[in-house]
């Protein structure tokens, strides 16, 4: 289901619930400090809906 290389999270479960969210490595670094730190964290969209980070995609290195 998820075709981008994942740095954190599981491809089988990356987007399996309505509030799951996959973010880029850049976004994970900017908001949480690292891809590993982003997993399980919440991002609020338009100050109305919460999404839980379930995967981080991008290049290694």
N, C-alpha and C. Protein backbone atom coordinates (compact mmCIF):
# COMPACT_ATOMS: atom_id res chain seq x y z
N UNK A 1 0.82 -1.20 0.00
CA UNK A 1 0.00 0.00 0.00
C UNK A 1 0.86 1.26 0.00
N UNK A 2 1.99 1.23 0.66
CA UNK A 2 2.85 2.41 0.74
C UNK A 2 4.13 2.12 -0.03
N UNK A 3 4.40 2.89 -1.09
CA UNK A 3 5.51 2.56 -1.98
C UNK A 3 6.79 3.33 -1.72
N UNK A 4 6.78 4.33 -0.86
CA UNK A 4 8.00 5.08 -0.55
C UNK A 4 8.81 4.34 0.50
N UNK A 5 10.16 4.46 0.43
CA UNK A 5 10.98 3.80 1.46
C UNK A 5 10.72 4.43 2.84
N UNK A 6 10.49 3.59 3.82
CA UNK A 6 10.22 4.08 5.17
C UNK A 6 11.47 4.06 6.03
N UNK A 7 11.68 5.13 6.75
CA UNK A 7 12.76 5.20 7.73
C UNK A 7 12.29 4.69 9.08
N UNK A 8 11.02 4.92 9.36
CA UNK A 8 10.40 4.47 10.61
C UNK A 8 8.97 4.04 10.30
N UNK A 9 8.46 3.11 11.05
CA UNK A 9 7.10 2.64 10.87
C UNK A 9 7.04 1.42 9.98
N UNK A 10 5.84 0.88 9.83
CA UNK A 10 5.61 -0.32 9.05
C UNK A 10 4.78 0.01 7.82
N UNK A 11 5.22 -0.44 6.64
CA UNK A 11 4.47 -0.18 5.41
C UNK A 11 3.07 -0.77 5.48
N UNK A 12 2.90 -1.91 6.13
CA UNK A 12 1.59 -2.55 6.22
C UNK A 12 0.62 -1.75 7.10
N UNK A 13 1.16 -0.99 8.05
CA UNK A 13 0.30 -0.27 8.98
C UNK A 13 0.42 1.24 8.88
N UNK A 14 1.14 1.75 7.90
CA UNK A 14 1.41 3.18 7.81
C UNK A 14 0.15 4.02 7.71
N UNK A 15 -0.83 3.56 6.97
CA UNK A 15 -2.04 4.36 6.77
C UNK A 15 -3.30 3.53 6.98
N UNK A 16 -3.27 2.67 8.00
CA UNK A 16 -4.39 1.74 8.18
C UNK A 16 -5.55 2.26 9.01
N UNK A 17 -5.45 3.45 9.57
CA UNK A 17 -6.57 4.05 10.28
C UNK A 17 -6.81 5.45 9.74
N UNK A 18 -8.02 5.98 9.90
CA UNK A 18 -8.33 7.29 9.35
C UNK A 18 -7.48 8.44 9.90
N UNK A 19 -6.95 8.27 11.10
CA UNK A 19 -6.14 9.35 11.67
C UNK A 19 -4.64 9.08 11.58
N UNK A 20 -4.23 8.07 10.82
CA UNK A 20 -2.80 7.78 10.63
C UNK A 20 -2.21 8.76 9.63
N UNK A 21 -0.93 9.06 9.81
CA UNK A 21 -0.27 10.03 8.94
C UNK A 21 1.16 9.59 8.69
N UNK A 22 1.58 9.63 7.44
CA UNK A 22 2.98 9.40 7.09
C UNK A 22 3.57 10.75 6.72
N UNK A 23 4.72 11.07 7.30
CA UNK A 23 5.35 12.36 7.03
C UNK A 23 6.76 12.14 6.47
N UNK A 24 7.30 13.18 5.88
CA UNK A 24 8.65 13.11 5.31
C UNK A 24 9.69 13.21 6.42
N UNK A 25 10.90 12.77 6.08
CA UNK A 25 12.02 12.90 7.01
C UNK A 25 12.25 14.36 7.38
N UNK A 26 12.14 15.24 6.39
CA UNK A 26 12.33 16.67 6.64
C UNK A 26 11.34 17.19 7.67
N UNK A 27 10.08 16.83 7.51
CA UNK A 27 9.05 17.26 8.45
C UNK A 27 9.31 16.67 9.84
N UNK A 28 9.69 15.40 9.89
CA UNK A 28 9.98 14.76 11.17
C UNK A 28 11.14 15.47 11.88
N UNK A 29 12.17 15.80 11.14
CA UNK A 29 13.32 16.51 11.72
C UNK A 29 12.92 17.90 12.23
N UNK A 30 12.13 18.62 11.44
CA UNK A 30 11.74 19.98 11.81
C UNK A 30 10.83 20.02 13.02
N UNK A 31 9.85 19.12 13.08
CA UNK A 31 8.87 19.18 14.15
C UNK A 31 9.25 18.37 15.39
N UNK A 32 9.98 17.26 15.21
CA UNK A 32 10.22 16.36 16.34
C UNK A 32 11.69 16.06 16.60
N UNK A 33 12.59 16.51 15.73
CA UNK A 33 14.02 16.31 15.94
C UNK A 33 14.61 15.12 15.21
N UNK A 34 13.79 14.10 14.93
CA UNK A 34 14.28 12.93 14.21
C UNK A 34 13.09 12.08 13.76
N UNK A 35 13.31 11.20 12.78
CA UNK A 35 12.24 10.29 12.37
C UNK A 35 11.75 9.39 13.51
N UNK A 36 12.67 8.87 14.29
CA UNK A 36 12.29 7.98 15.39
C UNK A 36 11.44 8.70 16.43
N UNK A 37 11.77 9.94 16.71
CA UNK A 37 11.03 10.71 17.71
C UNK A 37 9.62 11.07 17.24
N UNK A 38 9.39 11.08 15.94
CA UNK A 38 8.09 11.47 15.39
C UNK A 38 7.03 10.39 15.53
N UNK A 39 7.43 9.12 15.55
CA UNK A 39 6.48 8.02 15.59
C UNK A 39 5.61 8.10 16.85
N UNK A 40 4.29 8.05 16.63
CA UNK A 40 3.34 8.10 17.74
C UNK A 40 2.94 9.50 18.17
N UNK A 41 3.61 10.50 17.64
CA UNK A 41 3.30 11.88 18.01
C UNK A 41 2.07 12.36 17.24
N UNK A 42 1.45 13.41 17.73
CA UNK A 42 0.24 13.96 17.13
C UNK A 42 0.54 15.27 16.41
N UNK A 43 -0.07 15.42 15.24
CA UNK A 43 -0.03 16.66 14.48
C UNK A 43 -1.46 17.13 14.32
N UNK A 44 -1.71 18.38 14.66
CA UNK A 44 -3.06 18.94 14.52
C UNK A 44 -3.15 19.71 13.22
N UNK A 45 -4.18 19.40 12.42
CA UNK A 45 -4.39 20.02 11.13
C UNK A 45 -5.48 21.10 11.24
N UNK A 46 -5.14 22.30 10.82
CA UNK A 46 -6.05 23.45 10.85
C UNK A 46 -6.72 23.64 12.21
N UNK A 47 -6.00 23.31 13.25
CA UNK A 47 -6.47 23.48 14.62
C UNK A 47 -7.81 22.78 14.88
N UNK A 48 -8.09 21.70 14.09
CA UNK A 48 -9.36 21.00 14.24
C UNK A 48 -9.22 19.49 14.34
N UNK A 49 -8.33 18.90 13.58
CA UNK A 49 -8.27 17.43 13.51
C UNK A 49 -6.87 16.96 13.86
N UNK A 50 -6.79 15.95 14.72
CA UNK A 50 -5.51 15.39 15.12
C UNK A 50 -5.19 14.15 14.29
N UNK A 51 -3.93 14.05 13.89
CA UNK A 51 -3.41 12.88 13.19
C UNK A 51 -2.22 12.34 13.96
N UNK A 52 -2.08 11.03 14.00
CA UNK A 52 -0.96 10.39 14.69
C UNK A 52 0.05 9.92 13.66
N UNK A 53 1.30 10.30 13.86
CA UNK A 53 2.37 9.91 12.94
C UNK A 53 2.63 8.41 13.08
N UNK A 54 2.45 7.69 11.98
CA UNK A 54 2.64 6.24 12.00
C UNK A 54 3.81 5.79 11.14
N UNK A 55 4.33 6.70 10.30
CA UNK A 55 5.47 6.35 9.44
C UNK A 55 6.20 7.61 9.03
N UNK A 56 7.49 7.44 8.77
CA UNK A 56 8.33 8.51 8.23
C UNK A 56 9.02 7.97 7.00
N UNK A 57 8.86 8.68 5.89
CA UNK A 57 9.47 8.24 4.64
C UNK A 57 10.59 9.18 4.21
N UNK A 58 11.48 8.68 3.38
CA UNK A 58 12.58 9.49 2.85
C UNK A 58 13.80 8.64 2.63
N UNK A 59 14.89 9.30 2.35
CA UNK A 59 16.16 8.60 2.10
C UNK A 59 16.95 8.44 3.38
N UNK A 60 17.67 7.35 3.47
CA UNK A 60 18.60 7.13 4.60
C UNK A 60 19.82 8.01 4.39
N UNK A 61 20.42 8.40 5.50
CA UNK A 61 21.66 9.13 5.38
C UNK A 61 21.51 10.49 5.76
